[in-house]
Amino acid sequence: MARTLRQVPYFMKTLFLFTKSDIKTTVIPVSSLAAASAPLVGLLRLPHVVFWVWFHVLQFDISNQCMDPDEDAKNKSDRPIPARRISLSQARLLRWLSVPLCWRLSAFYSVETVWASVALVALTLIYNELTAHRRHWIIRNVVNALGFGSFEVGATLIAGADPTRLDGIALCSVLASIGIFATTIHTQDFKDVDGDRSIGRRTIPIVFGEAARWTVIVPLCLWSLGLSVFWGLDAITGTVFTALAVFVGMLYLRAQSVHEYQVAFYWYNLWLSCAHVLPGFCRLYSTPYYQRA
């Protein structure tokens, strides 16, 4: 018994290390969107949202990290499999055990939340085991965007007062987020060009080379302007939000090293989190465009 108890902290840290890199890229942005879009029914609901998102990220990350352990051994040696905290066979077992646990967790909230979980598990299978992550960048971006949409639907259902439906603002926020991810998710690929090229991935930075830098600043600015209008931002807030997009885009235009792309990606995630809380601003201070038109 004492030995088992001593292993619990080790096991929990292993689970955390699977998801560590996606706390800033998925858990925080998706949770912030859910809290702002639902809107959050109360602060006590926030831990439910964060845990549901994190647990589904865990399911995805274990699957993903079982795909290319040799690549991780070269570029991300602190991950649990290359660090030998868990064997590949144990990780694969944990990956499939996590699926029914995701569905059981979702069932505590609503049937609709279960369907969001089912969609996310299916897209995980398509992306990882069915190798969409190695396919053309369009396929990769679309599957990524739909996966994030599944995250956001489930999290927003849990955050709101009614876990069986999304209202107009919540639905529009999820649709806008899917569009954002479909057109900007490649911001994460600039820092991984060497590793992606070694395994044959055809990401936007590899396919378009130097010109790929412009595929960041242009959509970020367009999304910033469009969301400012759609969510009814005042002039000052809209200007600051758009200026942040320009700043992030300039970081990508000027970056030359992996570290500089990592810094740029941190700023991109800050912009993304800001974009995700705009529906909350709209609920408090404005009216969405479709109600003004």
C-alpha atoms as a PDB file:
ATOM      1  CA  MET A   1       0.000   0.000   0.000  1.00  0.00           C
ATOM      2  CA  ALA A   2       2.773   2.436   0.957  1.00  0.00           C
ATOM      3  CA  ARG A   3       4.604   1.676  -2.302  1.00  0.00           C
ATOM      4  CA  THR A   4       1.432   2.288  -4.300  1.00  0.00           C
ATOM      5  CA  LEU A   5       0.860   5.624  -2.585  1.00  0.00           C
ATOM      6  CA  ARG A   6       4.436   6.659  -3.366  1.00  0.00           C
ATOM      7  CA  GLN A   7       3.808   5.937  -7.039  1.00  0.00           C
ATOM      8  CA  VAL A   8       0.774   8.224  -7.248  1.00  0.00           C
ATOM      9  CA  PRO A   9       2.759  11.511  -7.443  1.00  0.00           C
ATOM     10  CA  TYR A  10       5.054   9.934 -10.062  1.00  0.00           C
ATOM     11  CA  PHE A  11       2.067   8.853 -12.153  1.00  0.00           C
ATOM     12  CA  MET A  12       0.354  12.248 -11.858  1.00  0.00           C
ATOM     13  CA  LYS A  13       3.535  14.038 -12.944  1.00  0.00           C
ATOM     14  CA  THR A  14       3.772  11.677 -15.929  1.00  0.00           C
ATOM     15  CA  LEU A  15       0.230  12.615 -16.967  1.00  0.00           C
ATOM     16  CA  PHE A  16       1.078  16.295 -16.592  1.00  0.00           C
ATOM     17  CA  LEU A  17       4.213  15.923 -18.740  1.00  0.00           C
ATOM     18  CA  PHE A  18       2.120  14.417 -21.537  1.00  0.00           C
ATOM     19  CA  THR A  19       0.050  17.625 -21.616  1.00  0.00           C
ATOM     20  CA  LYS A  20       2.589  20.226 -20.469  1.00  0.00           C
ATOM     21  CA  SER A  21       3.156  21.852 -23.875  1.00  0.00           C
ATOM     22  CA  ASP A  22      -0.597  22.102 -24.556  1.00  0.00           C
ATOM     23  CA  ILE A  23      -1.582  23.920 -21.367  1.00  0.00           C
ATOM     24  CA  LYS A  24      -0.895  27.283 -23.058  1.00  0.00           C
ATOM     25  CA  THR A  25      -1.990  26.232 -26.560  1.00  0.00           C
ATOM     26  CA  THR A  26      -5.235  24.414 -25.762  1.00  0.00           C
ATOM     27  CA  VAL A  27      -6.314  24.294 -22.120  1.00  0.00           C
ATOM     28  CA  ILE A  28      -6.112  28.047 -21.464  1.00  0.00           C
ATOM     29  CA  PRO A  29      -7.518  29.318 -24.817  1.00  0.00           C
ATOM     30  CA  VAL A  30     -10.377  26.781 -24.912  1.00  0.00           C
ATOM     31  CA  SER A  31     -11.298  27.328 -21.256  1.00  0.00           C
ATOM     32  CA  SER A  32     -11.250  31.108 -21.735  1.00  0.00           C
ATOM     33  CA  LEU A  33     -13.524  30.818 -24.775  1.00  0.00           C
ATOM     34  CA  ALA A  34     -15.956  28.602 -22.867  1.00  0.00           C
ATOM     35  CA  ALA A  35     -16.050  30.920 -19.855  1.00  0.00           C
ATOM     36  CA  ALA A  36     -16.657  33.981 -22.038  1.00  0.00           C
ATOM     37  CA  SER A  37     -19.047  32.427 -24.557  1.00  0.00           C
ATOM     38  CA  ALA A  38     -21.377  30.336 -22.382  1.00  0.00           C
ATOM     39  CA  PRO A  39     -21.173  32.555 -20.287  1.00  0.00           C
ATOM     40  CA  LEU A  40     -19.710  30.885 -17.173  1.00  0.00           C
ATOM     41  CA  VAL A  41     -22.608  30.106 -14.852  1.00  0.00           C
ATOM     42  CA  GLY A  42     -20.404  30.517 -11.756  1.00  0.00           C
ATOM     43  CA  LEU A  43     -16.801  30.308 -10.613  1.00  0.00           C
ATOM     44  CA  LEU A  44     -17.384  26.846  -9.176  1.00  0.00           C
ATOM     45  CA  ARG A  45     -18.056  25.601 -12.715  1.00  0.00           C
ATOM     46  CA  LEU A  46     -14.639  26.747 -13.986  1.00  0.00           C
ATOM     47  CA  PRO A  47     -12.699  23.775 -12.498  1.00  0.00           C
ATOM     48  CA  HIS A  48     -15.145  21.447 -14.286  1.00  0.00           C
ATOM     49  CA  VAL A  49     -14.408  23.183 -17.600  1.00  0.00           C
ATOM     50  CA  VAL A  50     -10.637  23.170 -17.125  1.00  0.00           C
ATOM     51  CA  PHE A  51     -10.524  19.519 -16.035  1.00  0.00           C
ATOM     52  CA  TRP A  52     -12.750  18.355 -18.919  1.00  0.00           C
ATOM     53  CA  VAL A  53     -10.539  20.164 -21.428  1.00  0.00           C
ATOM     54  CA  TRP A  54      -7.312  18.939 -19.813  1.00  0.00           C
ATOM     55  CA  PHE A  55      -8.482  15.322 -19.663  1.00  0.00           C
ATOM     56  CA  HIS A  56      -9.402  15.357 -23.346  1.00  0.00           C
ATOM     57  CA  VAL A  57      -6.057  16.999 -24.148  1.00  0.00           C
ATOM     58  CA  LEU A  58      -4.447  14.112 -22.258  1.00  0.00           C
ATOM     59  CA  GLN A  59      -6.294  11.607 -24.451  1.00  0.00           C
ATOM     60  CA  PHE A  60      -5.077  13.405 -27.584  1.00  0.00           C
ATOM     61  CA  ASP A  61      -1.495  13.905 -26.400  1.00  0.00           C
ATOM     62  CA  ILE A  62      -0.933  10.306 -25.361  1.00  0.00           C
ATOM     63  CA  SER A  63      -2.176   9.215 -28.779  1.00  0.00           C
ATOM     64  CA  ASN A  64      -0.006  11.787 -30.542  1.00  0.00           C
ATOM     65  CA  GLN A  65       3.146  10.989 -28.584  1.00  0.00           C
ATOM     66  CA  CYS A  66       2.780   7.279 -29.317  1.00  0.00           C
ATOM     67  CA  MET A  67       3.043   8.021 -33.043  1.00  0.00           C
ATOM     68  CA  ASP A  68       6.633   9.283 -33.357  1.00  0.00           C
ATOM     69  CA  PRO A  69       8.592   8.448 -30.187  1.00  0.00           C
ATOM     70  CA  ASP A  70      11.887   8.560 -32.121  1.00  0.00           C
ATOM     71  CA  GLU A  71      11.199  12.159 -33.195  1.00  0.00           C
ATOM     72  CA  ASP A  72      10.400  13.105 -29.601  1.00  0.00           C
ATOM     73  CA  ALA A  73      13.643  11.463 -28.458  1.00  0.00           C
ATOM     74  CA  LYS A  74      15.527  13.922 -30.711  1.00  0.00           C
ATOM     75  CA  ASN A  75      13.548  17.111 -30.185  1.00  0.00           C
ATOM     76  CA  LYS A  76      11.405  16.736 -27.034  1.00  0.00           C
ATOM     77  CA  SER A  77      13.294  14.377 -24.765  1.00  0.00           C
ATOM     78  CA  ASP A  78      11.481  15.563 -21.618  1.00  0.00           C
ATOM     79  CA  ARG A  79       8.243  13.915 -22.746  1.00  0.00           C
ATOM     80  CA  PRO A  80       7.286  10.796 -20.748  1.00  0.00           C
ATOM     81  CA  ILE A  81       8.046   8.140 -23.401  1.00  0.00           C
ATOM     82  CA  PRO A  82      11.563   9.283 -24.437  1.00  0.00           C
ATOM     83  CA  ALA A  83      12.303  10.155 -20.787  1.00  0.00           C
ATOM     84  CA  ARG A  84      11.428   6.513 -19.955  1.00  0.00           C
ATOM     85  CA  ARG A  85       8.860   7.458 -17.350  1.00  0.00           C
ATOM     86  CA  ILE A  86       6.455   5.123 -19.149  1.00  0.00           C
ATOM     87  CA  SER A  87       6.969   2.492 -21.837  1.00  0.00           C
ATOM     88  CA  LEU A  88       5.460   2.770 -25.302  1.00  0.00           C
ATOM     89  CA  SER A  89       3.208  -0.264 -24.692  1.00  0.00           C
ATOM     90  CA  GLN A  90       1.996   1.196 -21.383  1.00  0.00           C
ATOM     91  CA  ALA A  91       1.296   4.542 -23.074  1.00  0.00           C
ATOM     92  CA  ARG A  92      -0.722   2.830 -25.807  1.00  0.00           C
ATOM     93  CA  LEU A  93      -2.768   0.994 -23.186  1.00  0.00           C
ATOM     94  CA  LEU A  94      -3.342   4.257 -21.317  1.00  0.00           C
ATOM     95  CA  ARG A  95      -4.325   5.966 -24.574  1.00  0.00           C
ATOM     96  CA  TRP A  96      -7.205   3.531 -25.201  1.00  0.00           C
ATOM     97  CA  LEU A  97      -8.253   3.359 -21.547  1.00  0.00           C
ATOM     98  CA  SER A  98      -8.643   7.143 -21.564  1.00  0.00           C
ATOM     99  CA  VAL A  99     -11.332   7.013 -24.283  1.00  0.00           C
ATOM    100  CA  PRO A 100     -14.181   5.476 -22.239  1.00  0.00           C
ATOM    101  CA  LEU A 101     -13.090   7.621 -19.297  1.00  0.00           C
ATOM    102  CA  CYS A 102     -13.545  10.741 -21.460  1.00  0.00           C
ATOM    103  CA  TRP A 103     -17.031   9.592 -22.408  1.00  0.00           C
ATOM    104  CA  ARG A 104     -17.946   8.737 -18.817  1.00  0.00           C
ATOM    105  CA  LEU A 105     -16.744  12.132 -17.634  1.00  0.00           C
ATOM    106  CA  SER A 106     -18.793  13.847 -20.352  1.00  0.00           C
ATOM    107  CA  ALA A 107     -21.900  11.850 -19.411  1.00  0.00           C
ATOM    108  CA  PHE A 108     -21.978  13.628 -16.041  1.00  0.00           C
ATOM    109  CA  TYR A 109     -23.051  16.789 -17.899  1.00  0.00           C
ATOM    110  CA  SER A 110     -25.247  15.932 -20.890  1.00  0.00           C
ATOM    111  CA  VAL A 111     -25.703  13.743 -23.944  1.00  0.00           C
ATOM    112  CA  GLU A 112     -24.595  16.686 -26.075  1.00  0.00           C
ATOM    113  CA  THR A 113     -21.309  16.856 -24.166  1.00  0.00           C
ATOM    114  CA  VAL A 114     -20.807  13.139 -24.824  1.00  0.00           C
ATOM    115  CA  TRP A 115     -21.238  13.754 -28.552  1.00  0.00           C
ATOM    116  CA  ALA A 116     -18.608  16.494 -28.402  1.00  0.00           C
ATOM    117  CA  SER A 117     -16.286  14.003 -26.697  1.00  0.00           C
ATOM    118  CA  VAL A 118     -17.053  11.318 -29.292  1.00  0.00           C
ATOM    119  CA  ALA A 119     -16.271  13.771 -32.105  1.00  0.00           C
ATOM    120  CA  LEU A 120     -13.000  14.715 -30.433  1.00  0.00           C
ATOM    121  CA  VAL A 121     -11.954  11.082 -30.007  1.00  0.00           C
ATOM    122  CA  ALA A 122     -12.816  10.388 -33.664  1.00  0.00           C
ATOM    123  CA  LEU A 123     -10.799  13.382 -34.862  1.00  0.00           C
ATOM    124  CA  THR A 124      -7.904  12.289 -32.642  1.00  0.00           C
ATOM    125  CA  LEU A 125      -7.987   8.901 -34.373  1.00  0.00           C
ATOM    126  CA  ILE A 126      -8.066  10.562 -37.815  1.00  0.00           C
ATOM    127  CA  TYR A 127      -5.265  12.977 -36.964  1.00  0.00           C
ATOM    128  CA  ASN A 128      -2.905  10.541 -35.253  1.00  0.00           C
ATOM    129  CA  GLU A 129      -3.527   6.856 -35.994  1.00  0.00           C
ATOM    130  CA  LEU A 130      -4.878   7.517 -39.509  1.00  0.00           C
ATOM    131  CA  THR A 131      -1.926   9.910 -40.094  1.00  0.00           C
ATOM    132  CA  ALA A 132      -3.755  13.104 -41.088  1.00  0.00           C
ATOM    133  CA  HIS A 133      -0.889  14.898 -39.311  1.00  0.00           C
ATOM    134  CA  ARG A 134       1.433  13.714 -42.109  1.00  0.00           C
ATOM    135  CA  ARG A 135      -0.897  14.701 -44.955  1.00  0.00           C
ATOM    136  CA  HIS A 136      -1.220  17.899 -46.959  1.00  0.00           C
ATOM    137  CA  TRP A 137      -1.297  21.042 -44.825  1.00  0.00           C
ATOM    138  CA  ILE A 138      -4.912  21.757 -45.801  1.00  0.00           C
ATOM    139  CA  ILE A 139      -6.065  18.385 -44.416  1.00  0.00           C
ATOM    140  CA  ARG A 140      -3.958  18.883 -41.316  1.00  0.00           C
ATOM    141  CA  ASN A 141      -5.297  22.376 -40.650  1.00  0.00           C
ATOM    142  CA  VAL A 142      -8.941  21.389 -41.197  1.00  0.00           C
ATOM    143  CA  VAL A 143      -8.735  18.351 -38.894  1.00  0.00           C
ATOM    144  CA  ASN A 144      -6.959  20.492 -36.292  1.00  0.00           C
ATOM    145  CA  ALA A 145      -9.642  23.176 -36.501  1.00  0.00           C
ATOM    146  CA  LEU A 146     -12.501  20.680 -36.185  1.00  0.00           C
ATOM    147  CA  GLY A 147     -10.745  19.116 -33.201  1.00  0.00           C
ATOM    148  CA  PHE A 148     -10.508  22.470 -31.460  1.00  0.00           C
ATOM    149  CA  GLY A 149     -14.155  23.078 -32.304  1.00  0.00           C
ATOM    150  CA  SER A 150     -15.072  19.826 -30.539  1.00  0.00           C
ATOM    151  CA  PHE A 151     -13.077  20.920 -27.502  1.00  0.00           C
ATOM    152  CA  GLU A 152     -14.882  24.243 -27.474  1.00  0.00           C
ATOM    153  CA  VAL A 153     -18.389  22.848 -27.897  1.00  0.00           C
ATOM    154  CA  GLY A 154     -17.916  20.450 -24.988  1.00  0.00           C
ATOM    155  CA  ALA A 155     -16.268  23.035 -22.737  1.00  0.00           C
ATOM    156  CA  THR A 156     -18.890  25.697 -23.520  1.00  0.00           C
ATOM    157  CA  LEU A 157     -21.755  23.288 -22.812  1.00  0.00           C
ATOM    158  CA  ILE A 158     -20.222  22.528 -19.403  1.00  0.00           C
ATOM    159  CA  ALA A 159     -19.600  26.198 -18.601  1.00  0.00           C
ATOM    160  CA  GLY A 160     -23.151  27.368 -19.250  1.00  0.00           C
ATOM    161  CA  ALA A 161     -26.371  27.105 -17.307  1.00  0.00           C
ATOM    162  CA  ASP A 162     -27.857  24.689 -19.849  1.00  0.00           C
ATOM    163  CA  PRO A 163     -25.431  21.875 -20.835  1.00  0.00           C
ATOM    164  CA  THR A 164     -27.733  20.733 -23.648  1.00  0.00           C
ATOM    165  CA  ARG A 165     -27.530  23.747 -25.987  1.00  0.00           C
ATOM    166  CA  LEU A 166     -25.451  26.688 -27.186  1.00  0.00           C
ATOM    167  CA  ASP A 167     -27.080  30.075 -27.646  1.00  0.00           C
ATOM    168  CA  GLY A 168     -26.366  32.345 -30.636  1.00  0.00           C
ATOM    169  CA  ILE A 169     -23.301  34.064 -29.178  1.00  0.00           C
ATOM    170  CA  ALA A 170     -21.773  30.761 -28.007  1.00  0.00           C
ATOM    171  CA  LEU A 171     -22.356  29.127 -31.393  1.00  0.00           C
ATOM    172  CA  CYS A 172     -20.875  32.082 -33.286  1.00  0.00           C
ATOM    173  CA  SER A 173     -17.835  32.123 -31.013  1.00  0.00           C
ATOM    174  CA  VAL A 174     -17.145  28.424 -31.686  1.00  0.00           C
ATOM    175  CA  LEU A 175     -17.591  28.873 -35.451  1.00  0.00           C
ATOM    176  CA  ALA A 176     -15.276  31.891 -35.452  1.00  0.00           C
ATOM    177  CA  SER A 177     -12.705  29.951 -33.456  1.00  0.00           C
ATOM    178  CA  ILE A 178     -12.818  27.047 -35.928  1.00  0.00           C
ATOM    179  CA  GLY A 179     -12.127  29.564 -38.706  1.00  0.00           C
ATOM    180  CA  ILE A 180      -9.248  31.097 -36.755  1.00  0.00           C
ATOM    181  CA  PHE A 181      -7.637  27.719 -36.142  1.00  0.00           C
ATOM    182  CA  ALA A 182      -8.128  26.594 -39.742  1.00  0.00           C
ATOM    183  CA  THR A 183      -6.283  29.681 -41.025  1.00  0.00           C
ATOM    184  CA  THR A 184      -3.650  30.254 -38.308  1.00  0.00           C
ATOM    185  CA  ILE A 185      -2.928  26.916 -36.602  1.00  0.00           C
ATOM    186  CA  HIS A 186       0.271  26.648 -38.654  1.00  0.00           C
ATOM    187  CA  THR A 187       1.814  29.280 -36.370  1.00  0.00           C
ATOM    188  CA  GLN A 188       2.881  26.307 -34.233  1.00  0.00           C
ATOM    189  CA  ASP A 189       4.801  24.724 -37.134  1.00  0.00           C
ATOM    190  CA  PHE A 190       7.507  27.358 -37.649  1.00  0.00           C
ATOM    191  CA  LYS A 191       9.464  26.246 -34.594  1.00  0.00           C
ATOM    192  CA  ASP A 192       9.282  22.575 -35.638  1.00  0.00           C
ATOM    193  CA  VAL A 193      10.435  22.820 -39.265  1.00  0.00           C
ATOM    194  CA  ASP A 194      13.533  20.645 -38.863  1.00  0.00           C
ATOM    195  CA  GLY A 195      11.696  17.833 -37.097  1.00  0.00           C
ATOM    196  CA  ASP A 196       8.726  17.998 -39.474  1.00  0.00           C
ATOM    197  CA  ARG A 197      10.974  17.909 -42.537  1.00  0.00           C
ATOM    198  CA  SER A 198      12.824  14.855 -41.189  1.00  0.00           C
ATOM    199  CA  ILE A 199       9.606  12.800 -41.040  1.00  0.00           C
ATOM    200  CA  GLY A 200       8.177  14.066 -44.310  1.00  0.00           C
ATOM    201  CA  ARG A 201       5.465  16.438 -43.082  1.00  0.00           C
ATOM    202  CA  ARG A 202       4.275  19.060 -45.573  1.00  0.00           C
ATOM    203  CA  THR A 203       3.525  22.024 -43.309  1.00  0.00           C
ATOM    204  CA  ILE A 204       3.018  25.577 -44.548  1.00  0.00           C
ATOM    205  CA  PRO A 205       6.498  26.781 -43.420  1.00  0.00           C
ATOM    206  CA  ILE A 206       8.075  23.892 -45.364  1.00  0.00           C
ATOM    207  CA  VAL A 207       5.903  24.194 -48.470  1.00  0.00           C
ATOM    208  CA  PHE A 208       6.057  27.989 -48.839  1.00  0.00           C
ATOM    209  CA  GLY A 209       9.426  28.790 -47.267  1.00  0.00           C
ATOM    210  CA  GLU A 210      10.045  32.476 -46.567  1.00  0.00           C
ATOM    211  CA  ALA A 211       6.667  33.451 -47.997  1.00  0.00           C
ATOM    212  CA  ALA A 212       4.988  31.440 -45.209  1.00  0.00           C
ATOM    213  CA  ARG A 213       5.686  34.278 -42.773  1.00  0.00           C
ATOM    214  CA  TRP A 214       3.025  36.381 -44.524  1.00  0.00           C
ATOM    215  CA  THR A 215       0.432  33.662 -43.904  1.00  0.00           C
ATOM    216  CA  VAL A 216       0.487  34.714 -40.253  1.00  0.00           C
ATOM    217  CA  ILE A 217       0.226  38.502 -40.239  1.00  0.00           C
ATOM    218  CA  VAL A 218      -2.422  38.711 -42.989  1.00  0.00           C
ATOM    219  CA  PRO A 219      -5.051  36.372 -41.448  1.00  0.00           C
ATOM    220  CA  LEU A 220      -4.374  37.687 -37.924  1.00  0.00           C
ATOM    221  CA  CYS A 221      -5.089  41.251 -39.046  1.00  0.00           C
ATOM    222  CA  LEU A 222      -8.152  40.232 -41.042  1.00  0.00           C
ATOM    223  CA  TRP A 223      -9.552  38.227 -38.130  1.00  0.00           C
ATOM    224  CA  SER A 224      -8.841  41.089 -35.718  1.00  0.00           C
ATOM    225  CA  LEU A 225     -10.687  43.597 -37.871  1.00  0.00           C
ATOM    226  CA  GLY A 226     -13.576  41.213 -38.547  1.00  0.00           C
ATOM    227  CA  LEU A 227     -14.019  40.167 -34.925  1.00  0.00           C
ATOM    228  CA  SER A 228     -13.834  43.793 -33.768  1.00  0.00           C
ATOM    229  CA  VAL A 229     -16.787  44.592 -36.011  1.00  0.00           C
ATOM    230  CA  PHE A 230     -18.718  41.388 -35.341  1.00  0.00           C
ATOM    231  CA  TRP A 231     -18.481  41.586 -31.536  1.00  0.00           C
ATOM    232  CA  GLY A 232     -19.084  45.338 -31.481  1.00  0.00           C
ATOM    233  CA  LEU A 233     -15.803  46.448 -29.919  1.00  0.00           C
ATOM    234  CA  ASP A 234     -15.345  50.142 -29.218  1.00  0.00           C
ATOM    235  CA  ALA A 235     -12.643  51.984 -31.160  1.00  0.00           C
ATOM    236  CA  ILE A 236      -9.986  51.786 -28.434  1.00  0.00           C
ATOM    237  CA  THR A 237     -10.463  48.089 -27.662  1.00  0.00           C
ATOM    238  CA  GLY A 238     -10.588  47.189 -31.355  1.00  0.00           C
ATOM    239  CA  THR A 239      -7.429  49.177 -32.060  1.00  0.00           C
ATOM    240  CA  VAL A 240      -5.511  47.531 -29.217  1.00  0.00           C
ATOM    241  CA  PHE A 241      -6.662  44.066 -30.316  1.00  0.00           C
ATOM    242  CA  THR A 242      -5.645  44.702 -33.929  1.00  0.00           C
ATOM    243  CA  ALA A 243      -2.326  46.229 -32.851  1.00  0.00           C
ATOM    244  CA  LEU A 244      -1.575  43.018 -30.935  1.00  0.00           C
ATOM    245  CA  ALA A 245      -2.204  41.053 -34.138  1.00  0.00           C
ATOM    246  CA  VAL A 246       0.214  43.296 -36.058  1.00  0.00           C
ATOM    247  CA  PHE A 247       2.828  42.853 -33.315  1.00  0.00           C
ATOM    248  CA  VAL A 248       2.508  39.056 -33.415  1.00  0.00           C
ATOM    249  CA  GLY A 249       2.691  39.059 -37.201  1.00  0.00           C
ATOM    250  CA  MET A 250       5.853  41.188 -37.122  1.00  0.00           C
ATOM    251  CA  LEU A 251       7.469  38.745 -34.704  1.00  0.00           C
ATOM    252  CA  TYR A 252       6.923  35.976 -37.265  1.00  0.00           C
ATOM    253  CA  LEU A 253       8.208  38.149 -40.114  1.00  0.00           C
ATOM    254  CA  ARG A 254      11.420  38.922 -38.242  1.00  0.00           C
ATOM    255  CA  ALA A 255      12.068  35.567 -36.529  1.00  0.00           C
ATOM    256  CA  GLN A 256      15.216  33.697 -37.576  1.00  0.00           C
ATOM    257  CA  SER A 257      15.731  31.044 -34.889  1.00  0.00           C
ATOM    258  CA  VAL A 258      13.713  28.345 -33.150  1.00  0.00           C
ATOM    259  CA  HIS A 259      13.758  30.405 -29.941  1.00  0.00           C
ATOM    260  CA  GLU A 260      12.377  33.471 -31.729  1.00  0.00           C
ATOM    261  CA  TYR A 261       9.577  31.380 -33.244  1.00  0.00           C
ATOM    262  CA  GLN A 262       8.807  29.972 -29.785  1.00  0.00           C
ATOM    263  CA  VAL A 263       8.514  33.508 -28.415  1.00  0.00           C
ATOM    264  CA  ALA A 264       6.300  34.494 -31.349  1.00  0.00           C
ATOM    265  CA  PHE A 265       4.095  31.470 -30.700  1.00  0.00           C
ATOM    266  CA  TYR A 266       3.647  32.505 -27.051  1.00  0.00           C
ATOM    267  CA  TRP A 267       2.434  35.914 -28.240  1.00  0.00           C
ATOM    268  CA  TYR A 268       0.146  34.259 -30.778  1.00  0.00           C
ATOM    269  CA  ASN A 269      -1.489  32.321 -27.949  1.00  0.00           C
ATOM    270  CA  LEU A 270      -1.983  35.577 -26.046  1.00  0.00           C
ATOM    271  CA  TRP A 271      -3.738  37.038 -29.114  1.00  0.00           C
ATOM    272  CA  LEU A 272      -5.799  33.856 -29.420  1.00  0.00           C
ATOM    273  CA  SER A 273      -6.900  34.029 -25.781  1.00  0.00           C
ATOM    274  CA  CYS A 274      -7.915  37.667 -26.320  1.00  0.00           C
ATOM    275  CA  ALA A 275      -9.927  36.648 -29.387  1.00  0.00           C
ATOM    276  CA  HIS A 276     -11.627  33.965 -27.327  1.00  0.00           C
ATOM    277  CA  VAL A 277     -12.811  36.332 -24.588  1.00  0.00           C
ATOM    278  CA  LEU A 278     -14.384  38.835 -27.015  1.00  0.00           C
ATOM    279  CA  PRO A 279     -17.807  37.132 -26.814  1.00  0.00           C
ATOM    280  CA  GLY A 280     -17.784  37.907 -23.091  1.00  0.00           C
ATOM    281  CA  PHE A 281     -17.041  41.566 -23.873  1.00  0.00           C
ATOM    282  CA  CYS A 282     -19.959  41.513 -26.300  1.00  0.00           C
ATOM    283  CA  ARG A 283     -22.359  40.082 -23.692  1.00  0.00           C
ATOM    284  CA  LEU A 284     -21.407  42.778 -21.206  1.00  0.00           C
ATOM    285  CA  TYR A 285     -20.992  45.887 -23.331  1.00  0.00           C
ATOM    286  CA  SER A 286     -22.274  45.413 -26.878  1.00  0.00           C
ATOM    287  CA  THR A 287     -24.440  43.473 -29.326  1.00  0.00           C
ATOM    288  CA  PRO A 288     -23.212  40.952 -31.919  1.00  0.00           C
ATOM    289  CA  TYR A 289     -23.360  42.008 -35.549  1.00  0.00           C
ATOM    290  CA  TYR A 290     -26.146  39.600 -36.515  1.00  0.00           C
ATOM    291  CA  GLN A 291     -28.439  41.299 -33.987  1.00  0.00           C
ATOM    292  CA  ARG A 292     -27.497  44.769 -35.224  1.00  0.00           C
ATOM    293  CA  ALA A 293     -27.834  44.049 -38.937  1.00  0.00           C
END
